[in-house]
Protein backbone atom coordinates (compact mmCIF):
# COMPACT_ATOMS: atom_id res chain seq x y z
CA UNK A 1 28.40 35.63 -9.74
CA UNK A 2 25.91 33.37 -8.50
CA UNK A 3 22.68 35.23 -8.17
CA UNK A 4 20.24 35.95 -11.03
CA UNK A 5 17.20 37.93 -11.66
CA UNK A 6 14.11 35.70 -11.56
CA UNK A 7 10.59 36.47 -13.14
CA UNK A 8 7.74 34.08 -12.33
CA UNK A 9 4.57 34.82 -14.39
CA UNK A 10 1.09 33.74 -13.61
CA UNK A 11 -2.17 34.40 -15.55
CA UNK A 12 -2.63 37.85 -14.12
CA UNK A 13 0.45 38.85 -12.16
CA UNK A 14 4.33 38.69 -12.63
CA UNK A 15 6.67 38.47 -9.76
CA UNK A 16 10.31 39.76 -9.99
CA UNK A 17 13.46 39.48 -7.70
CA UNK A 18 16.78 38.36 -7.05
CA UNK A 19 17.91 34.78 -5.76
CA UNK A 20 20.85 32.50 -5.82
CA UNK A 21 21.24 30.47 -9.27
CA UNK A 22 20.92 27.23 -7.35
CA UNK A 23 17.50 28.17 -6.10
CA UNK A 24 16.37 29.27 -9.80
CA UNK A 25 17.67 25.86 -10.86
CA UNK A 26 15.49 24.25 -8.27
CA UNK A 27 12.49 26.34 -9.28
CA UNK A 28 12.80 24.97 -12.85
CA UNK A 29 12.92 21.38 -11.69
CA UNK A 30 9.84 22.05 -9.69
CA UNK A 31 7.94 22.71 -13.10
CA UNK A 32 7.94 18.91 -13.24
CA UNK A 33 4.64 19.40 -10.84
CA UNK A 34 3.14 21.56 -13.73
CA UNK A 35 2.23 24.42 -11.34
CA UNK A 36 0.01 27.28 -12.84
CA UNK A 37 0.52 29.80 -9.94
CA UNK A 38 3.25 31.00 -7.55
CA UNK A 39 1.59 29.23 -4.76
CA UNK A 40 1.80 25.91 -6.62
CA UNK A 41 5.19 26.43 -7.57
CA UNK A 42 6.13 27.15 -3.90
CA UNK A 43 4.67 23.74 -2.80
CA UNK A 44 6.43 22.21 -5.86
CA UNK A 45 9.83 23.48 -4.88
CA UNK A 46 9.51 21.65 -1.50
CA UNK A 47 10.34 18.35 -3.60
CA UNK A 48 13.89 19.75 -3.75
CA UNK A 49 14.24 21.95 -0.79
CA UNK A 50 12.78 21.47 2.75
CA UNK A 51 10.30 23.91 3.60
CA UNK A 52 11.00 26.70 6.05
CA UNK A 53 7.67 27.63 7.96
CA UNK A 54 9.19 31.02 8.72
CA UNK A 55 10.53 31.65 5.39
CA UNK A 56 8.95 31.34 1.85
CA UNK A 57 11.16 30.01 -0.86
CA UNK A 58 10.23 33.03 -3.11
CA UNK A 59 10.18 35.71 -0.49
CA UNK A 60 12.48 37.84 -2.46
CA UNK A 61 10.04 38.10 -5.21
CA UNK A 62 7.68 41.25 -5.50
CA UNK A 63 4.85 41.94 -7.72
CA UNK A 64 5.90 43.51 -10.97
CA UNK A 65 7.99 42.89 -13.85
CA UNK A 66 11.40 43.43 -13.98
CA UNK A 67 13.69 41.55 -16.46
CA UNK A 68 16.83 43.55 -16.12
CA UNK A 69 19.52 40.93 -15.87
CA UNK A 70 21.45 40.77 -12.40
CA UNK A 71 24.69 39.38 -11.58
CA UNK A 72 24.71 35.94 -13.19
CA UNK A 73 21.87 36.65 -15.54
CA UNK A 74 18.12 36.47 -15.99
CA UNK A 75 15.79 33.46 -15.61
CA UNK A 76 12.14 34.05 -16.52
CA UNK A 77 9.43 31.27 -15.85
CA UNK A 78 6.21 31.94 -17.48
CA UNK A 79 3.70 29.32 -15.71
CA UNK A 80 0.90 30.03 -18.38
CA UNK A 81 3.05 30.02 -21.77
CA UNK A 82 4.89 27.17 -20.33
CA UNK A 83 8.02 28.73 -21.12
CA UNK A 84 11.62 29.09 -19.55
CA UNK A 85 13.84 31.85 -20.60
CA UNK A 86 17.42 31.51 -19.24
CA UNK A 87 20.41 33.76 -20.16
CA UNK A 88 22.72 32.96 -17.27
CA UNK A 89 26.38 31.79 -16.48
CA UNK A 90 25.13 29.94 -13.55
CA UNK A 91 23.39 26.81 -15.35
CA UNK A 92 21.73 26.07 -18.57
CA UNK A 93 18.17 24.61 -17.84
CA UNK A 94 16.90 21.44 -19.54
CA UNK A 95 13.64 19.40 -19.60
CA UNK A 96 15.45 16.62 -17.61
CA UNK A 97 18.26 16.40 -15.26
CA UNK A 98 18.85 16.66 -11.52
CA UNK A 99 19.43 19.13 -8.87
CA UNK A 100 21.02 18.83 -5.41
CA UNK A 101 18.37 18.81 -2.34
CA UNK A 102 18.56 21.55 0.17
CA UNK A 103 17.84 20.40 3.84
CA UNK A 104 16.97 23.80 5.05
CA UNK A 105 20.38 24.73 6.45
CA UNK A 106 22.77 24.07 3.32
CA UNK A 107 22.78 22.25 -0.10
CA UNK A 108 23.37 18.50 0.30
CA UNK A 109 25.12 16.00 -2.06
CA UNK A 110 21.75 14.05 -2.77
CA UNK A 111 21.01 14.65 -6.33
CA UNK A 112 17.19 14.30 -7.08
CA UNK A 113 16.03 13.73 -10.81
CA UNK A 114 13.41 15.68 -12.68
CA UNK A 115 11.48 15.58 -15.87
CA UNK A 116 9.43 18.40 -17.45
CA UNK A 117 6.53 17.82 -19.72
CA UNK A 118 7.32 17.95 -23.42
CA UNK A 119 5.47 20.97 -24.10
CA UNK A 120 7.70 23.29 -22.02
CA UNK A 121 9.67 25.53 -24.14
CA UNK A 122 13.16 26.57 -23.11
CA UNK A 123 14.58 29.74 -24.91
CA UNK A 124 17.83 31.75 -24.36
CA UNK A 125 16.60 34.69 -26.08
CA UNK A 126 16.54 37.29 -23.21
CA UNK A 127 15.66 40.14 -25.55
CA UNK A 128 12.60 38.89 -27.51
CA UNK A 129 10.99 36.53 -24.87
CA UNK A 130 8.12 38.72 -24.21
CA UNK A 131 6.61 38.53 -27.95
CA UNK A 132 7.28 34.67 -27.68
CA UNK A 133 5.58 34.35 -24.33
CA UNK A 134 2.26 36.29 -25.46
CA UNK A 135 2.18 34.28 -28.72
CA UNK A 136 2.05 31.10 -26.60
CA UNK A 137 -0.20 32.47 -24.21
CA UNK A 138 -2.83 33.50 -26.90
CA UNK A 139 -2.58 30.14 -28.58
CA UNK A 140 -3.13 28.32 -25.13
CA UNK A 141 -6.06 30.74 -24.56
CA UNK A 142 -7.73 29.64 -27.70
CA UNK A 143 -7.65 26.13 -26.62
CA UNK A 144 -10.02 25.81 -23.65
CA UNK A 145 -9.23 23.75 -20.68
CA UNK A 146 -11.11 20.38 -21.10
CA UNK A 147 -12.58 18.56 -17.84
CA UNK A 148 -11.78 15.18 -19.57
CA UNK A 149 -12.66 13.10 -16.47
CA UNK A 150 -16.30 14.31 -16.55
CA UNK A 151 -16.59 12.70 -19.82
CA UNK A 152 -14.58 9.63 -18.96
CA UNK A 153 -16.31 8.97 -15.79
CA UNK A 154 -19.54 10.86 -16.22
CA UNK A 155 -22.78 10.45 -18.14
CA UNK A 156 -21.14 10.79 -21.58
CA UNK A 157 -19.23 7.56 -20.93
CA UNK A 158 -22.23 5.65 -19.18
CA UNK A 159 -24.64 6.70 -21.85
CA UNK A 160 -22.53 5.58 -24.77
CA UNK A 161 -21.98 1.95 -22.91
CA UNK A 162 -25.71 1.59 -22.14
CA UNK A 163 -26.69 2.72 -25.73
CA UNK A 164 -24.19 0.53 -27.65
CA UNK A 165 -25.00 -2.40 -25.52
CA UNK A 166 -28.49 -2.06 -25.92
CA UNK A 167 -28.06 -2.04 -29.77
CA UNK A 168 -25.67 -5.22 -29.70
CA UNK A 169 -27.95 -7.06 -27.41
CA UNK A 170 -30.74 -6.61 -29.67
CA UNK A 171 -28.50 -8.40 -32.34
CA UNK A 172 -27.16 -11.05 -30.19
CA UNK A 173 -28.90 -13.64 -32.44
CA UNK A 174 -26.66 -12.58 -35.23
CA UNK A 175 -23.39 -12.94 -33.15
CA UNK A 176 -21.07 -15.62 -34.17
CA UNK A 177 -20.14 -17.50 -31.08
CA UNK A 178 -16.62 -18.49 -30.47
CA UNK A 179 -16.53 -20.31 -27.26
CA UNK A 180 -12.89 -21.60 -27.94
CA UNK A 181 -11.38 -18.15 -27.28
CA UNK A 182 -13.03 -16.71 -24.25
CA UNK A 183 -15.22 -18.04 -21.50
CA UNK A 184 -18.29 -15.83 -22.65
CA UNK A 185 -19.43 -16.05 -26.09
CA UNK A 186 -20.15 -12.25 -26.15
CA UNK A 187 -16.60 -11.11 -25.08
CA UNK A 188 -15.79 -9.89 -28.55
CA UNK A 189 -19.08 -8.08 -28.64
CA UNK A 190 -18.37 -6.17 -25.31
CA UNK A 191 -14.50 -5.72 -26.34
CA UNK A 192 -15.77 -3.94 -29.49
CA UNK A 193 -18.10 -1.56 -27.67
CA UNK A 194 -15.11 -0.86 -25.16
CA UNK A 195 -12.82 -0.06 -28.41
CA UNK A 196 -15.45 1.93 -29.91
CA UNK A 197 -15.72 4.17 -27.04
CA UNK A 198 -11.84 4.76 -26.76
CA UNK A 199 -11.46 5.54 -30.54
CA UNK A 200 -14.32 7.60 -31.45
CA UNK A 201 -13.65 11.17 -31.83
CA UNK A 202 -16.10 13.48 -29.50
CA UNK A 203 -16.76 17.16 -29.43
CA UNK A 204 -16.91 17.32 -25.66
CA UNK A 205 -13.26 16.29 -26.09
CA UNK A 206 -12.22 19.08 -28.66
CA UNK A 207 -12.66 16.49 -31.39
CA UNK A 208 -10.28 13.93 -29.93
CA UNK A 209 -11.02 10.47 -29.02
CA UNK A 210 -10.66 9.44 -25.29
CA UNK A 211 -7.76 7.27 -26.09
CA UNK A 212 -5.77 10.37 -27.52
CA UNK A 213 -6.58 12.19 -24.46
CA UNK A 214 -5.68 9.43 -22.10
CA UNK A 215 -2.11 8.82 -23.53
CA UNK A 216 -1.32 12.52 -24.21
CA UNK A 217 0.56 12.93 -20.90
CA UNK A 218 1.08 9.50 -19.77
CA UNK A 219 4.87 9.21 -20.24
CA UNK A 220 5.46 12.80 -18.12
CA UNK A 221 3.22 11.45 -15.20
CA UNK A 222 4.99 8.29 -15.25
CA UNK A 223 8.44 9.94 -15.14
CA UNK A 224 7.40 12.18 -12.48
CA UNK A 225 6.26 9.26 -10.42
CA UNK A 226 9.51 7.38 -10.89
CA UNK A 227 11.36 10.77 -9.87
CA UNK A 228 9.18 10.75 -6.71
CA UNK A 229 10.10 7.08 -6.11
CA UNK A 230 13.71 7.97 -6.28
CA UNK A 231 13.41 11.09 -3.95
CA UNK A 232 11.47 9.06 -1.39
CA UNK A 233 14.35 6.31 -1.39
CA UNK A 234 17.15 8.66 -0.92
CA UNK A 235 15.38 10.98 1.49
CA UNK A 236 13.76 8.27 3.30
CA UNK A 237 10.18 9.91 3.50
CA UNK A 238 7.30 10.14 1.35
CA UNK A 239 7.60 13.37 -1.08
CA UNK A 240 4.93 16.01 -1.00
CA UNK A 241 1.96 15.48 -3.50
CA UNK A 242 0.09 17.80 -5.53
CA UNK A 243 -2.89 19.67 -3.76
CA UNK A 244 -6.30 18.55 -4.67
CA UNK A 245 -7.02 22.20 -5.63
CA UNK A 246 -4.00 22.38 -8.09
CA UNK A 247 -4.60 22.67 -11.77
CA UNK A 248 -2.39 19.81 -12.32
CA UNK A 249 -4.53 17.53 -9.97
CA UNK A 250 -7.85 18.66 -11.41
CA UNK A 251 -6.95 18.78 -15.08
CA UNK A 252 -3.49 16.88 -15.23
CA UNK A 253 -3.28 13.97 -17.57
CA UNK A 254 -3.79 10.25 -17.09
CA UNK A 255 -0.75 7.70 -15.67
CA UNK A 256 -0.54 4.16 -15.90
CA UNK A 257 -2.25 3.34 -12.87
CA UNK A 258 -5.50 5.28 -13.69
CA UNK A 259 -5.43 3.82 -17.30
CA UNK A 260 -5.41 0.29 -15.97
CA UNK A 261 -8.12 0.78 -13.46
CA UNK A 262 -10.09 2.50 -15.96
CA UNK A 263 -9.86 -0.34 -18.45
CA UNK A 264 -11.14 -2.58 -15.54
CA UNK A 265 -13.98 -0.06 -14.72
CA UNK A 266 -15.33 0.51 -18.29
CA UNK A 267 -15.16 -3.40 -18.90
CA UNK A 268 -16.86 -4.15 -15.80
CA UNK A 269 -19.54 -1.60 -16.52
CA UNK A 270 -20.04 -3.17 -19.86
CA UNK A 271 -20.69 -6.58 -18.52
CA UNK A 272 -22.96 -5.28 -15.77
CA UNK A 273 -25.06 -3.64 -18.61
CA UNK A 274 -25.13 -6.78 -20.64
CA UNK A 275 -26.13 -8.88 -17.54
CA UNK A 276 -28.94 -6.61 -16.80
CA UNK A 277 -30.26 -6.85 -20.37
CA UNK A 278 -29.90 -10.62 -20.09
CA UNK A 279 -31.73 -10.73 -16.76
CA UNK A 280 -34.64 -8.66 -18.13
CA UNK A 281 -34.79 -11.13 -21.15
CA UNK A 282 -34.88 -14.22 -19.14
CA UNK A 283 -37.30 -12.81 -16.71
CA UNK A 284 -40.01 -11.92 -19.51
CA UNK A 285 -39.48 -8.15 -19.53
CA UNK A 286 -38.64 -8.18 -23.20
CA UNK A 287 -35.98 -5.46 -23.42
CA UNK A 288 -36.18 -5.52 -26.98
CA UNK A 289 -39.64 -4.02 -26.75
CA UNK A 290 -38.46 -0.73 -25.29
CA UNK A 291 -36.44 2.13 -26.91
CA UNK A 292 -32.94 3.04 -26.54
CA UNK A 293 -34.07 5.96 -24.78
CA UNK A 294 -36.23 4.13 -22.36
CA UNK A 295 -33.34 1.76 -21.50
CA UNK A 296 -30.86 4.64 -20.91
CA UNK A 297 -33.56 6.41 -18.65
CA UNK A 298 -33.33 3.54 -16.01
CA UNK A 299 -29.87 1.89 -16.91
CA UNK A 300 -27.62 5.20 -16.58
CA UNK A 301 -28.72 5.89 -12.98
CA UNK A 302 -28.18 2.23 -12.05
CA UNK A 303 -24.64 2.37 -13.92
CA UNK A 304 -23.77 5.32 -11.80
CA UNK A 305 -24.34 3.33 -8.73
CA UNK A 306 -22.33 0.35 -10.06
CA UNK A 307 -19.74 2.77 -11.11
CA UNK A 308 -19.25 4.38 -7.38
CA UNK A 309 -19.36 0.88 -5.88
CA UNK A 310 -16.45 -0.49 -8.24
CA UNK A 311 -14.49 2.66 -7.58
CA UNK A 312 -14.76 2.05 -3.92
CA UNK A 313 -14.48 -1.59 -3.54
CA UNK A 314 -11.16 -2.83 -1.70
CA UNK A 315 -9.15 -5.12 -3.81
CA UNK A 316 -7.18 -7.82 -1.89
CA UNK A 317 -4.41 -8.05 -4.61
CA UNK A 318 -3.51 -4.39 -3.88
CA UNK A 319 -3.43 -4.60 -0.14
CA UNK A 320 -7.18 -3.47 0.40
CA UNK A 321 -6.58 -0.53 -1.63
CA UNK A 322 -9.77 0.98 -3.64
CA UNK A 323 -9.32 1.81 -7.36
CA UNK A 324 -10.24 5.40 -6.47
CA UNK A 325 -7.50 5.75 -4.02
CA UNK A 326 -5.15 4.25 -6.38
CA UNK A 327 -6.13 6.92 -8.97
CA UNK A 328 -6.25 9.84 -6.54
CA UNK A 329 -2.68 8.96 -5.34
CA UNK A 330 -1.35 8.66 -8.85
CA UNK A 331 -3.13 12.18 -9.73
CA UNK A 332 -1.21 13.67 -6.72
CA UNK A 333 1.92 12.23 -8.25
CA UNK A 334 2.52 9.92 -5.10
CA UNK A 335 4.26 6.68 -5.63
CA UNK A 336 2.54 3.39 -4.03
CA UNK A 337 4.98 2.45 -1.31
CA UNK A 338 4.97 -0.15 1.29
CA UNK A 339 7.60 -1.66 3.58
CA UNK A 340 9.66 -4.66 2.56
CA UNK A 341 7.86 -6.81 4.95
CA UNK A 342 4.53 -5.90 3.38
CA UNK A 343 6.12 -6.52 -0.06
CA UNK A 344 6.87 -10.37 0.79
CA UNK A 345 5.05 -12.65 -1.57
CA UNK A 346 6.37 -16.08 -0.31
CA UNK A 347 7.54 -16.11 3.52
CA UNK A 348 9.45 -19.21 2.54
CA UNK A 349 11.59 -17.44 -0.13
CA UNK A 350 15.07 -16.17 0.79
CA UNK A 351 15.12 -13.54 -1.93
CA UNK A 352 11.77 -12.12 -0.50
CA UNK A 353 13.46 -12.21 2.98
CA UNK A 354 16.46 -10.33 1.63
CA UNK A 355 14.29 -7.67 0.19
CA UNK A 356 12.54 -7.34 3.45
CA UNK A 357 15.55 -6.49 5.18
CA UNK A 358 16.72 -3.85 2.74
CA UNK A 359 16.17 -0.19 3.91
CA UNK A 360 13.91 2.14 2.55
CA UNK A 361 10.39 1.58 0.91
CA UNK A 362 9.36 -0.68 -1.86
CA UNK A 363 7.20 0.25 -4.77
CA UNK A 364 4.69 -1.49 -6.90
CA UNK A 365 3.38 -0.41 -10.19
CA UNK A 366 0.65 -1.57 -12.46
CA UNK A 367 0.99 -2.29 -16.28
CA UNK A 368 -1.27 -3.13 -19.28
CA UNK A 369 -0.32 -6.87 -19.40
CA UNK A 370 -3.92 -7.92 -18.67
CA UNK A 371 -5.49 -5.65 -21.25
CA UNK A 372 -6.59 -7.00 -24.72
CA UNK A 373 -3.95 -6.89 -27.07
CA UNK A 374 -5.19 -4.46 -29.72
CA UNK A 375 -4.28 -0.75 -30.39
CA UNK A 376 -7.31 0.55 -28.77
CA UNK A 377 -6.24 -0.77 -25.46
CA UNK A 378 -2.43 -0.30 -25.85
CA UNK A 379 -1.24 2.36 -23.53
CA UNK A 380 2.38 2.08 -24.59
CA UNK A 381 1.99 2.89 -28.37
CA UNK A 382 0.01 5.81 -29.88
CA UNK A 383 -0.21 4.56 -33.42
CA UNK A 384 -0.24 1.14 -35.27
CA UNK A 385 3.03 1.99 -36.70
CA UNK A 386 4.59 2.45 -33.49
CA UNK A 387 3.44 -1.03 -32.70
CA UNK A 388 4.60 -2.63 -35.81
CA UNK A 389 8.05 -1.10 -35.57
CA UNK A 390 8.43 -2.61 -32.10
CA UNK A 391 7.28 -5.98 -33.28
CA UNK A 392 9.83 -5.78 -36.20
CA UNK A 393 12.55 -4.87 -33.76
CA UNK A 394 11.37 -7.93 -31.54
CA UNK A 395 11.36 -10.28 -34.66
CA UNK A 396 14.90 -9.21 -35.64
CA UNK A 397 16.22 -9.87 -32.01
CA UNK A 398 14.42 -13.33 -31.99
CA UNK A 399 15.88 -14.32 -35.21
CA UNK A 400 19.41 -13.20 -34.55
CA UNK A 401 19.11 -14.88 -31.10
CA UNK A 402 17.91 -18.27 -32.82
CA UNK A 403 20.59 -17.90 -35.55
CA UNK A 404 23.30 -17.60 -32.64
CA UNK A 405 21.99 -20.31 -30.77
CA UNK A 406 21.70 -22.73 -33.79
CA UNK A 407 25.29 -22.04 -34.78
CA UNK A 408 26.52 -22.85 -31.07
CA UNK A 409 24.74 -26.09 -31.02
CA UNK A 410 26.40 -26.86 -34.56
CA UNK A 411 29.96 -25.80 -33.20
CA UNK A 412 29.19 -27.74 -29.88
CA UNK A 413 29.93 -24.23 -27.90
CA UNK A 414 27.81 -24.13 -24.75
CA UNK A 415 26.65 -21.11 -22.89
CA UNK A 416 28.65 -20.59 -19.42
CA UNK A 417 29.22 -23.39 -17.00
CA UNK A 418 27.41 -26.69 -18.33
CA UNK A 419 27.75 -28.16 -14.94
CA UNK A 420 26.11 -25.07 -13.11
CA UNK A 421 23.51 -24.88 -15.76
CA UNK A 422 22.64 -28.53 -15.22
CA UNK A 423 22.44 -28.01 -11.57
CA UNK A 424 20.46 -24.75 -11.36
CA UNK A 425 17.91 -24.27 -13.93
CA UNK A 426 15.55 -21.83 -12.73
CA UNK A 427 17.51 -19.30 -10.55
CA UNK A 428 19.98 -16.55 -10.94
CA UNK A 429 23.72 -17.55 -11.04
CA UNK A 430 26.37 -15.07 -9.93
CA UNK A 431 29.53 -14.93 -12.35
CA UNK A 432 32.65 -16.69 -11.14
CA UNK A 433 34.65 -13.53 -11.04
CA UNK A 434 36.57 -11.83 -8.24
CA UNK A 435 35.03 -8.41 -9.26
CA UNK A 436 31.47 -9.45 -8.22
CA UNK A 437 30.52 -7.55 -4.87
CA UNK A 438 29.80 -9.65 -1.76
CA UNK A 439 26.16 -8.38 -1.81
CA UNK A 440 25.62 -9.86 -5.30
CA UNK A 441 27.32 -13.14 -4.29
CA UNK A 442 25.05 -13.48 -1.19
CA UNK A 443 21.94 -12.60 -3.61
CA UNK A 444 23.16 -15.48 -5.74
CA UNK A 445 23.24 -17.86 -2.83
CA UNK A 446 19.60 -16.80 -1.97
CA UNK A 447 18.59 -17.19 -5.48
CA UNK A 448 19.83 -20.62 -5.48
CA UNK A 449 18.54 -21.49 -1.95
CA UNK A 450 15.08 -20.47 -3.30
CA UNK A 451 15.19 -23.03 -6.15
CA UNK A 452 16.44 -25.65 -3.65
CA UNK A 453 13.19 -24.76 -1.50
CA UNK A 454 11.02 -25.20 -4.53
CA UNK A 455 12.30 -28.62 -4.84
CA UNK A 456 11.69 -29.33 -1.30
CA UNK A 457 8.17 -28.44 -1.56
CA UNK A 458 8.06 -31.00 -4.46
CA UNK A 459 4.90 -29.56 -6.32
CA UNK A 460 3.02 -29.06 -3.12
CA UNK A 461 0.81 -25.93 -2.38
CA UNK A 462 2.71 -23.62 0.22
CA UNK A 463 -0.07 -24.56 2.81
CA UNK A 464 0.32 -28.19 2.14
CA UNK A 465 3.99 -29.03 2.50
CA UNK A 466 4.91 -32.33 4.72
CA UNK A 467 5.93 -31.18 8.07
CA UNK A 468 9.23 -32.68 7.73
CA UNK A 469 10.01 -30.85 4.30
CA UNK A 470 8.69 -27.39 6.00
CA UNK A 471 11.09 -27.91 8.80
CA UNK A 472 14.13 -28.26 6.67
CA UNK A 473 12.93 -25.30 4.64
CA UNK A 474 12.48 -23.10 7.90
CA UNK A 475 15.91 -24.43 9.05
CA UNK A 476 17.57 -23.31 5.76
CA UNK A 477 16.11 -19.99 5.91
CA UNK A 478 17.30 -19.45 9.63
CA UNK A 479 20.75 -20.41 8.55
CA UNK A 480 20.47 -17.94 5.54
CA UNK A 481 19.31 -15.19 7.75
CA UNK A 482 22.16 -15.97 10.37
CA UNK A 483 24.58 -15.58 7.47
CA UNK A 484 23.11 -12.37 6.25
CA UNK A 485 23.15 -11.03 9.87
CA UNK A 486 26.91 -11.89 10.52
CA UNK A 487 27.83 -10.26 7.18
CA UNK A 488 25.86 -7.05 7.95
CA UNK A 489 27.43 -6.69 11.39
CA UNK A 490 29.27 -3.77 12.43
CA UNK A 491 31.04 -5.61 14.95
CA UNK A 492 34.00 -6.87 12.92
CA UNK A 493 35.53 -9.16 15.84
CA UNK A 494 32.35 -10.63 16.93
CA UNK A 495 31.61 -11.56 13.05
CA UNK A 496 35.20 -12.90 12.54
CA UNK A 497 34.37 -15.11 15.50
CA UNK A 498 30.87 -16.35 14.38
CA UNK A 499 31.34 -16.60 10.61
CA UNK A 500 32.88 -20.07 10.67
CA UNK A 501 30.15 -21.75 12.88
CA UNK A 502 27.45 -20.22 11.05
CA UNK A 503 28.87 -21.49 7.86
CA UNK A 504 29.18 -24.99 9.43
CA UNK A 505 25.72 -25.04 10.56
CA UNK A 506 24.59 -23.86 7.27
CA UNK A 507 26.36 -26.77 5.61
CA UNK A 508 25.14 -29.36 7.98
CA UNK A 509 21.59 -28.23 7.05
CA UNK A 510 22.39 -28.60 3.41
CA UNK A 511 23.69 -32.04 4.26
CA UNK A 512 20.59 -32.97 5.96
CA UNK A 513 18.69 -32.20 2.92
CA UNK A 514 20.85 -34.06 0.61
CA UNK A 515 20.59 -37.05 2.87
CA UNK A 516 16.67 -36.87 2.96
CA UNK A 517 16.15 -36.00 -0.60
CA UNK A 518 18.92 -37.53 -2.95
CA UNK A 519 17.50 -36.03 -6.01
CA UNK A 520 18.59 -32.70 -4.47
CA UNK A 521 22.03 -33.71 -3.44
CA UNK A 522 23.73 -32.10 -6.26
CA UNK A 523 22.33 -28.64 -5.55
CA UNK A 524 22.94 -29.02 -1.80
CA UNK A 525 26.77 -29.90 -2.78
CA UNK A 526 27.02 -26.89 -5.17
CA UNK A 527 25.58 -24.61 -2.52
CA UNK A 528 27.65 -25.72 0.14
CA UNK A 529 30.74 -24.79 -2.10
CA UNK A 530 29.32 -21.46 -2.78
CA UNK A 531 29.07 -20.59 0.86
CA UNK A 532 32.34 -21.79 1.64
CA UNK A 533 33.73 -19.55 -1.07
CA UNK A 534 31.64 -16.70 -0.26
CA UNK A 535 34.35 -14.63 1.31
CA UNK A 536 37.05 -16.01 -0.68
CA UNK A 537 36.16 -15.15 -4.23
CA UNK A 538 38.48 -16.28 -7.34
CA UNK A 539 41.46 -14.32 -7.88
CA UNK A 540 41.46 -11.75 -10.47
CA UNK A 541 42.80 -12.60 -13.92
CA UNK A 542 46.11 -11.18 -14.53
CA UNK A 543 46.25 -8.13 -16.98
CA UNK A 544 48.63 -7.66 -19.62
CA UNK A 545 51.15 -4.95 -18.71
CA UNK A 546 53.48 -3.44 -21.46
CA UNK A 547 56.29 -2.73 -18.93
CA UNK A 548 56.63 -6.72 -18.65
CA UNK A 549 57.78 -6.92 -22.15
CA UNK A 550 59.93 -3.88 -22.26
CA UNK A 551 57.73 -2.21 -24.80
CA UNK A 552 58.36 1.76 -24.70
CA UNK A 553 54.72 2.97 -24.55
């Protein structure tokens, strides 16, 4: 028993047919893309099954509603009610999990994760599902679809910013200036207008404030992007994105990347508006002599031009990407991927070079660390109570940690190996145990080598390192690269013949550094011991065996 009856319901059409239970399972996983039509669901399934140009995934489905269970049972997917009904012996659906990728010929052992949005209902009531589905459809129909981005980016936002900035500028003489906090004395004024925009309920957003809309589905979008990163890493190709014509792209929620870039956009527009008023005041145009309506007549069109320019300006920090492209890619649920070589931050860093050698793409993510630390700008907590609870947990953790540290100091008990701690203070140290994999031990060598290179730079900027020091840095990196190449070689006999000369040359380079820079001699000596012991880790500690003591259990 492996086939099921599958029913897929669109807004105005039902589709029914039979298919293998694993195919129905992938169809449920594809709901992570939030499809609203069978066509969108077909595209979403390509996340978990290789598309076949000659065969549609749901080719067995025919128009009409037939919910008679077949073989292993019944699965109903109502794309409008956002409801799954499953009464089957083949699987039990869940909002999160994993399915095995199908390569077009057979099922593989590559498991791909998925996460559905929280508003999907999962039911096993195959007898009364129709009433439940119709009730959910009625309630969703009563709640019109909002074009939130038309408010977030359009004239409603621009008019609010211009109006509130005009009003605040007129009262600038009453502002208490605190130059000790920010570069501009009006930073707090701009921040308050920004916060008011996010926190004020609006009729064009169904009575909700922009912040509530912005955070509504952030977690789901982020999970879906994380799952796409996972799929890209396993399948070694970029996963399919959402079509720009899809409902999820046009009306889907905001993810972290868009919220971060939107924060920057609103803040830049506010400063542009304030600077425009300042310019008018300093050139004798007397902005206070005009009404708010007069100011908006000229300022809103100007801000529209500024908005487009800001969205389309390449940012060197994001490899020349524009904010608009970053936002659109997230809306399509596509990760920000790059090669390991592109991800290198410091070409002299051994750890960066190790990352560059790794197979598969690297991914980068934005976060809210540069935002003001207030509830209005917090993209991780919906309420002040959630923020307070996390602060309480952090305070308890810090209190416990400090108490443990004080007790260790009182008892004279140190953490780990004091000698190693004294030598390496800024880098990762591998535990001195036999069960540490070789790759982790090599990473530990690279981590300590990175700290040694920092010492060789001696506080110099990367492009101002003395030639003799840079020469030693380059040599150390070549030695480390040779060691990694030997350890990764498929030719065992060649690796066995070359490993000792490679280690000897590496040790000679470390000895040269120790001779030239005595203050780094202890690190060079310890690192030499590490590479000598790299292939000969400590023996595992003996385990207690009851048979050794004649105990009969």
